[in-house]
N, C-alpha and C. Protein backbone atom coordinates (compact mmCIF):
# COMPACT_ATOMS: atom_id res chain seq x y z
N MET A 1 0.85 -1.17 -0.01
CA MET A 1 -0.01 -0.01 0.00
C MET A 1 0.89 1.24 0.00
N ALA A 2 0.55 2.22 -0.79
CA ALA A 2 1.32 3.46 -0.87
C ALA A 2 0.90 4.42 0.24
N LYS A 3 1.83 5.27 0.65
CA LYS A 3 1.59 6.28 1.68
C LYS A 3 2.02 7.63 1.13
N ALA A 4 1.14 8.63 1.15
CA ALA A 4 1.49 9.98 0.69
C ALA A 4 2.47 10.59 1.70
N ILE A 5 3.60 11.15 1.19
CA ILE A 5 4.61 11.68 2.10
C ILE A 5 4.89 13.17 1.91
N HIS A 6 4.78 13.68 0.67
CA HIS A 6 4.96 15.11 0.47
C HIS A 6 4.42 15.58 -0.87
N SER A 7 4.26 16.89 -0.96
CA SER A 7 3.90 17.54 -2.21
C SER A 7 4.92 18.65 -2.43
N MET A 8 5.34 18.87 -3.69
CA MET A 8 6.37 19.86 -3.98
C MET A 8 5.80 21.00 -4.80
N ILE A 9 6.23 22.22 -4.44
CA ILE A 9 5.95 23.39 -5.25
C ILE A 9 7.25 24.18 -5.42
N ARG A 10 7.37 24.85 -6.55
CA ARG A 10 8.54 25.70 -6.80
C ARG A 10 8.22 27.11 -6.32
N VAL A 11 9.16 27.69 -5.56
CA VAL A 11 8.95 29.03 -5.03
C VAL A 11 10.12 29.93 -5.42
N LEU A 12 9.85 31.20 -5.50
CA LEU A 12 10.85 32.16 -5.94
C LEU A 12 11.75 32.64 -4.79
N ASP A 13 11.14 32.89 -3.63
CA ASP A 13 11.87 33.48 -2.50
C ASP A 13 11.71 32.57 -1.29
N GLU A 14 12.77 31.88 -0.92
CA GLU A 14 12.71 30.89 0.17
C GLU A 14 12.21 31.50 1.48
N ALA A 15 12.81 32.58 1.91
CA ALA A 15 12.45 33.17 3.20
C ALA A 15 10.99 33.60 3.22
N ARG A 16 10.53 34.23 2.16
CA ARG A 16 9.15 34.70 2.08
C ARG A 16 8.19 33.51 2.15
N SER A 17 8.49 32.43 1.46
CA SER A 17 7.62 31.26 1.46
C SER A 17 7.66 30.54 2.80
N VAL A 18 8.83 30.39 3.39
CA VAL A 18 8.93 29.74 4.71
C VAL A 18 8.14 30.54 5.73
N ASP A 19 8.27 31.86 5.72
CA ASP A 19 7.52 32.71 6.64
C ASP A 19 6.02 32.55 6.44
N PHE A 20 5.57 32.52 5.18
CA PHE A 20 4.15 32.36 4.88
C PHE A 20 3.61 31.05 5.44
N TYR A 21 4.24 29.93 5.12
CA TYR A 21 3.74 28.63 5.54
C TYR A 21 3.84 28.43 7.06
N GLU A 22 4.79 29.09 7.68
CA GLU A 22 4.87 29.04 9.14
C GLU A 22 3.72 29.83 9.75
N MET A 23 3.50 31.05 9.25
CA MET A 23 2.44 31.91 9.80
C MET A 23 1.06 31.34 9.53
N VAL A 24 0.81 30.87 8.32
CA VAL A 24 -0.52 30.43 7.94
C VAL A 24 -0.87 29.05 8.50
N PHE A 25 0.04 28.10 8.40
CA PHE A 25 -0.27 26.73 8.77
C PHE A 25 0.57 26.14 9.90
N GLY A 26 1.44 26.95 10.50
CA GLY A 26 2.27 26.44 11.58
C GLY A 26 3.28 25.42 11.12
N LEU A 27 3.62 25.43 9.83
CA LEU A 27 4.64 24.50 9.34
C LEU A 27 6.02 25.03 9.70
N ARG A 28 6.91 24.13 10.08
CA ARG A 28 8.29 24.48 10.41
C ARG A 28 9.23 23.73 9.47
N VAL A 29 10.41 24.26 9.30
CA VAL A 29 11.38 23.59 8.46
C VAL A 29 11.84 22.32 9.17
N ALA A 30 11.58 21.18 8.55
CA ALA A 30 12.00 19.89 9.07
C ALA A 30 13.40 19.54 8.59
N GLU A 31 13.70 19.95 7.36
CA GLU A 31 15.03 19.73 6.79
C GLU A 31 15.22 20.67 5.62
N ARG A 32 16.46 21.11 5.47
CA ARG A 32 16.81 21.98 4.34
C ARG A 32 18.05 21.38 3.69
N LEU A 33 17.94 21.07 2.39
CA LEU A 33 19.04 20.46 1.65
C LEU A 33 19.47 21.43 0.57
N ASP A 34 20.72 21.87 0.64
CA ASP A 34 21.25 22.85 -0.30
C ASP A 34 22.12 22.16 -1.34
N PHE A 35 21.82 22.38 -2.61
CA PHE A 35 22.57 21.83 -3.73
C PHE A 35 23.12 22.98 -4.56
N GLU A 36 23.94 22.66 -5.53
CA GLU A 36 24.60 23.69 -6.34
C GLU A 36 23.59 24.59 -7.05
N THR A 37 22.55 24.03 -7.63
CA THR A 37 21.62 24.82 -8.44
C THR A 37 20.23 24.98 -7.84
N PHE A 38 19.97 24.31 -6.73
CA PHE A 38 18.65 24.43 -6.11
C PHE A 38 18.73 24.08 -4.63
N THR A 39 17.69 24.44 -3.89
CA THR A 39 17.56 24.11 -2.47
C THR A 39 16.20 23.47 -2.26
N LEU A 40 16.15 22.42 -1.44
CA LEU A 40 14.90 21.77 -1.05
C LEU A 40 14.65 22.08 0.41
N VAL A 41 13.45 22.55 0.70
CA VAL A 41 13.05 22.86 2.08
C VAL A 41 11.82 22.04 2.38
N TYR A 42 11.93 21.12 3.35
CA TYR A 42 10.82 20.28 3.76
C TYR A 42 10.19 20.89 4.99
N MET A 43 8.87 21.12 4.93
CA MET A 43 8.15 21.75 6.04
C MET A 43 7.04 20.82 6.52
N SER A 44 6.84 20.79 7.85
CA SER A 44 5.80 19.95 8.42
C SER A 44 5.42 20.50 9.79
N ASN A 45 4.41 19.87 10.39
CA ASN A 45 4.05 20.19 11.78
C ASN A 45 3.62 18.90 12.48
N GLU A 46 3.26 19.03 13.74
CA GLU A 46 2.93 17.85 14.55
C GLU A 46 1.59 17.22 14.18
N GLU A 47 0.78 17.89 13.37
CA GLU A 47 -0.53 17.37 13.00
C GLU A 47 -0.45 16.16 12.07
N SER A 48 0.64 16.07 11.28
CA SER A 48 0.70 15.04 10.24
C SER A 48 2.15 14.75 9.87
N ASP A 49 2.39 13.56 9.35
CA ASP A 49 3.71 13.22 8.82
C ASP A 49 3.90 13.78 7.41
N PHE A 50 2.82 14.19 6.75
CA PHE A 50 2.89 14.72 5.40
C PHE A 50 3.68 16.02 5.39
N GLU A 51 4.53 16.19 4.38
CA GLU A 51 5.36 17.39 4.29
C GLU A 51 5.11 18.16 3.01
N LEU A 52 5.38 19.45 3.09
CA LEU A 52 5.39 20.32 1.91
C LEU A 52 6.85 20.55 1.55
N GLU A 53 7.21 20.25 0.31
CA GLU A 53 8.57 20.46 -0.17
C GLU A 53 8.59 21.73 -1.02
N LEU A 54 9.36 22.72 -0.57
CA LEU A 54 9.58 23.93 -1.33
C LEU A 54 10.87 23.75 -2.12
N THR A 55 10.80 23.91 -3.44
CA THR A 55 12.00 23.85 -4.28
C THR A 55 12.34 25.26 -4.72
N VAL A 56 13.55 25.68 -4.40
CA VAL A 56 14.04 27.01 -4.75
C VAL A 56 15.15 26.84 -5.78
N ASN A 57 14.88 27.20 -7.02
CA ASN A 57 15.90 27.11 -8.07
C ASN A 57 16.76 28.36 -8.03
N LYS A 58 18.04 28.17 -7.76
CA LYS A 58 18.95 29.32 -7.61
C LYS A 58 19.10 30.09 -8.91
N GLY A 59 19.13 31.40 -8.80
CA GLY A 59 19.28 32.27 -9.96
C GLY A 59 17.97 32.59 -10.66
N ARG A 60 16.89 31.98 -10.25
CA ARG A 60 15.58 32.26 -10.86
C ARG A 60 15.09 33.60 -10.35
N THR A 61 14.71 34.47 -11.25
CA THR A 61 14.20 35.80 -10.86
C THR A 61 12.76 36.04 -11.32
N GLU A 62 12.31 35.26 -12.29
CA GLU A 62 10.95 35.44 -12.82
C GLU A 62 9.98 34.53 -12.08
N PRO A 63 8.79 35.04 -11.75
CA PRO A 63 7.77 34.17 -11.11
C PRO A 63 7.45 32.99 -12.02
N TYR A 64 7.07 31.87 -11.40
CA TYR A 64 6.70 30.68 -12.15
C TYR A 64 5.32 30.85 -12.76
N ALA A 65 5.15 30.36 -13.96
CA ALA A 65 3.84 30.32 -14.60
C ALA A 65 3.12 29.10 -14.03
N LEU A 66 2.06 29.33 -13.27
CA LEU A 66 1.39 28.22 -12.62
C LEU A 66 0.56 27.39 -13.58
N GLY A 67 0.20 27.96 -14.72
CA GLY A 67 -0.52 27.21 -15.73
C GLY A 67 -1.92 26.82 -15.28
N ASP A 68 -2.53 25.93 -16.01
CA ASP A 68 -3.89 25.52 -15.66
C ASP A 68 -3.93 24.07 -15.18
N GLY A 69 -2.78 23.51 -14.89
CA GLY A 69 -2.74 22.13 -14.41
C GLY A 69 -2.76 22.02 -12.89
N TYR A 70 -2.25 23.04 -12.20
CA TYR A 70 -2.23 23.01 -10.74
C TYR A 70 -3.63 23.24 -10.22
N GLY A 71 -4.05 22.45 -9.29
CA GLY A 71 -5.36 22.63 -8.66
C GLY A 71 -5.20 23.35 -7.34
N HIS A 72 -4.88 22.60 -6.30
CA HIS A 72 -4.64 23.20 -5.00
C HIS A 72 -4.12 22.16 -4.02
N LEU A 73 -3.52 22.65 -2.98
CA LEU A 73 -3.13 21.87 -1.81
C LEU A 73 -4.25 22.11 -0.81
N ALA A 74 -4.59 21.13 0.01
CA ALA A 74 -5.65 21.31 1.00
C ALA A 74 -5.16 20.92 2.39
N LEU A 75 -5.53 21.74 3.36
CA LEU A 75 -5.23 21.48 4.76
C LEU A 75 -6.49 21.67 5.57
N SER A 76 -6.63 20.93 6.66
CA SER A 76 -7.81 21.06 7.50
C SER A 76 -7.46 21.74 8.81
N VAL A 77 -8.46 22.44 9.38
CA VAL A 77 -8.28 23.13 10.65
C VAL A 77 -9.47 22.84 11.55
N ALA A 78 -9.27 22.99 12.85
CA ALA A 78 -10.32 22.70 13.82
C ALA A 78 -11.39 23.80 13.83
N ASP A 79 -11.00 25.05 13.63
CA ASP A 79 -11.96 26.17 13.70
C ASP A 79 -11.77 27.06 12.47
N LEU A 80 -12.54 26.81 11.44
CA LEU A 80 -12.40 27.51 10.17
C LEU A 80 -12.64 29.02 10.32
N ASP A 81 -13.66 29.40 11.06
CA ASP A 81 -13.96 30.83 11.23
C ASP A 81 -12.82 31.56 11.92
N ALA A 82 -12.24 30.96 12.94
CA ALA A 82 -11.13 31.59 13.67
C ALA A 82 -9.90 31.72 12.76
N GLU A 83 -9.62 30.70 11.95
CA GLU A 83 -8.47 30.77 11.03
C GLU A 83 -8.69 31.82 9.96
N HIS A 84 -9.90 31.90 9.44
CA HIS A 84 -10.21 32.91 8.42
C HIS A 84 -9.99 34.30 9.00
N ALA A 85 -10.48 34.53 10.21
CA ALA A 85 -10.31 35.84 10.86
C ALA A 85 -8.84 36.13 11.16
N ARG A 86 -8.11 35.12 11.66
CA ARG A 86 -6.69 35.30 11.99
C ARG A 86 -5.87 35.65 10.75
N LEU A 87 -6.09 34.92 9.66
CA LEU A 87 -5.32 35.16 8.45
C LEU A 87 -5.71 36.49 7.78
N SER A 88 -6.98 36.85 7.84
CA SER A 88 -7.41 38.14 7.32
C SER A 88 -6.75 39.27 8.09
N LYS A 89 -6.74 39.15 9.40
CA LYS A 89 -6.12 40.18 10.24
C LYS A 89 -4.61 40.27 10.00
N ALA A 90 -3.99 39.13 9.70
CA ALA A 90 -2.54 39.09 9.46
C ALA A 90 -2.16 39.63 8.08
N GLY A 91 -3.16 39.91 7.24
CA GLY A 91 -2.90 40.46 5.93
C GLY A 91 -2.71 39.45 4.82
N ALA A 92 -3.02 38.17 5.08
CA ALA A 92 -2.92 37.14 4.05
C ALA A 92 -4.03 37.37 3.02
N THR A 93 -3.82 36.89 1.82
CA THR A 93 -4.82 36.99 0.76
C THR A 93 -5.78 35.82 0.91
N VAL A 94 -6.91 36.08 1.56
CA VAL A 94 -7.90 35.02 1.82
C VAL A 94 -9.18 35.28 1.03
N GLY A 95 -9.79 34.18 0.62
CA GLY A 95 -11.06 34.26 -0.09
C GLY A 95 -12.22 34.17 0.88
N ARG A 96 -13.39 34.16 0.34
CA ARG A 96 -14.61 34.10 1.16
C ARG A 96 -14.83 32.70 1.72
N LEU A 97 -15.54 32.62 2.81
CA LEU A 97 -15.95 31.33 3.38
C LEU A 97 -17.04 30.75 2.49
N VAL A 98 -16.92 29.44 2.20
CA VAL A 98 -17.86 28.76 1.32
C VAL A 98 -18.45 27.56 2.04
N ASP A 99 -19.76 27.44 1.98
CA ASP A 99 -20.45 26.23 2.42
C ASP A 99 -20.82 25.47 1.15
N PHE A 100 -20.19 24.31 0.96
CA PHE A 100 -20.33 23.52 -0.26
C PHE A 100 -21.30 22.38 0.00
N ASN A 101 -22.36 22.31 -0.81
CA ASN A 101 -23.39 21.28 -0.64
C ASN A 101 -23.59 20.51 -1.94
N ASN A 102 -24.10 19.29 -1.80
CA ASN A 102 -24.44 18.46 -2.95
C ASN A 102 -25.85 17.93 -2.70
N ASP A 103 -26.79 18.36 -3.54
CA ASP A 103 -28.20 17.98 -3.37
C ASP A 103 -28.70 18.31 -1.97
N GLY A 104 -28.30 19.48 -1.45
CA GLY A 104 -28.74 19.92 -0.13
C GLY A 104 -27.99 19.30 1.03
N ARG A 105 -27.07 18.40 0.75
CA ARG A 105 -26.29 17.73 1.80
C ARG A 105 -24.95 18.43 1.95
N PRO A 106 -24.59 18.84 3.18
CA PRO A 106 -23.28 19.50 3.38
C PRO A 106 -22.13 18.57 2.99
N VAL A 107 -21.19 19.09 2.19
CA VAL A 107 -20.02 18.34 1.77
C VAL A 107 -18.78 18.89 2.45
N ALA A 108 -18.63 20.22 2.42
CA ALA A 108 -17.42 20.83 2.97
C ALA A 108 -17.69 22.30 3.28
N ARG A 109 -16.88 22.83 4.17
CA ARG A 109 -16.86 24.26 4.48
C ARG A 109 -15.40 24.68 4.36
N PHE A 110 -15.13 25.75 3.59
CA PHE A 110 -13.73 26.08 3.30
C PHE A 110 -13.56 27.51 2.85
N PHE A 111 -12.28 27.90 2.72
CA PHE A 111 -11.87 29.12 2.03
C PHE A 111 -10.51 28.84 1.42
N PHE A 112 -10.12 29.70 0.51
CA PHE A 112 -8.78 29.60 -0.10
C PHE A 112 -7.91 30.74 0.39
N VAL A 113 -6.63 30.44 0.55
CA VAL A 113 -5.61 31.45 0.85
C VAL A 113 -4.56 31.32 -0.26
N THR A 114 -3.99 32.44 -0.64
CA THR A 114 -3.00 32.45 -1.72
C THR A 114 -1.62 32.72 -1.15
N ASP A 115 -0.65 31.88 -1.53
CA ASP A 115 0.71 32.04 -1.02
C ASP A 115 1.46 33.11 -1.84
N PRO A 116 2.68 33.47 -1.43
CA PRO A 116 3.42 34.55 -2.12
C PRO A 116 3.69 34.28 -3.61
N ASP A 117 3.68 33.02 -4.03
CA ASP A 117 3.93 32.70 -5.43
C ASP A 117 2.65 32.52 -6.23
N GLY A 118 1.51 32.74 -5.61
CA GLY A 118 0.23 32.63 -6.32
C GLY A 118 -0.46 31.29 -6.20
N TYR A 119 0.12 30.34 -5.46
CA TYR A 119 -0.53 29.05 -5.28
C TYR A 119 -1.74 29.20 -4.38
N LYS A 120 -2.83 28.56 -4.76
CA LYS A 120 -4.05 28.55 -3.96
C LYS A 120 -4.01 27.36 -3.03
N ILE A 121 -4.32 27.60 -1.76
CA ILE A 121 -4.37 26.54 -0.77
C ILE A 121 -5.76 26.53 -0.16
N GLU A 122 -6.40 25.38 -0.19
CA GLU A 122 -7.74 25.25 0.37
C GLU A 122 -7.62 24.96 1.87
N VAL A 123 -8.35 25.71 2.67
CA VAL A 123 -8.38 25.50 4.12
C VAL A 123 -9.79 25.01 4.45
N LEU A 124 -9.88 23.77 4.93
CA LEU A 124 -11.16 23.12 5.19
C LEU A 124 -11.43 22.95 6.67
N GLN A 125 -12.71 23.07 7.03
CA GLN A 125 -13.14 22.73 8.39
C GLN A 125 -12.99 21.24 8.57
N ARG A 126 -12.44 20.80 9.68
CA ARG A 126 -12.34 19.36 9.96
C ARG A 126 -13.71 18.81 10.26
N LEU A 127 -14.22 18.01 9.34
CA LEU A 127 -15.48 17.29 9.52
C LEU A 127 -15.64 16.31 8.39
N GLY A 128 -16.44 15.29 8.61
CA GLY A 128 -16.67 14.29 7.58
C GLY A 128 -15.37 13.66 7.10
N ARG A 129 -15.17 13.68 5.80
CA ARG A 129 -13.97 13.07 5.21
C ARG A 129 -12.73 13.93 5.37
N PHE A 130 -12.91 15.18 5.78
CA PHE A 130 -11.79 16.12 5.89
C PHE A 130 -11.35 16.25 7.35
N LYS A 131 -10.61 15.27 7.82
CA LYS A 131 -10.20 15.23 9.23
C LYS A 131 -8.85 15.76 9.43
């Protein structure tokens, strides 16, 4: 059986991205591997073994074209309203709170936050399948 261990995104500014993911999701640098042409930064927290891998390509100055293939990364929180308020107050780029239903049945409650490189991250209320 396979186990999900990390997801990778390319970022332009390591410090800015590390600060964002620490402030927004409480992720901390678990390991930083520096190579000649790139750096890998693995971030995680005590909630899960799953890690976010930030890849910083040295010498890159232009923002990455995210294209139309990237969907989103999703994280769950215990109190969606409190997180939405906290991130809004902190100046993060947050979207509106959404109650998502299917045939009148609640499926999810969420909002999106945008990281410094333009990646959309879905923040979901912990309930149902989103624990």
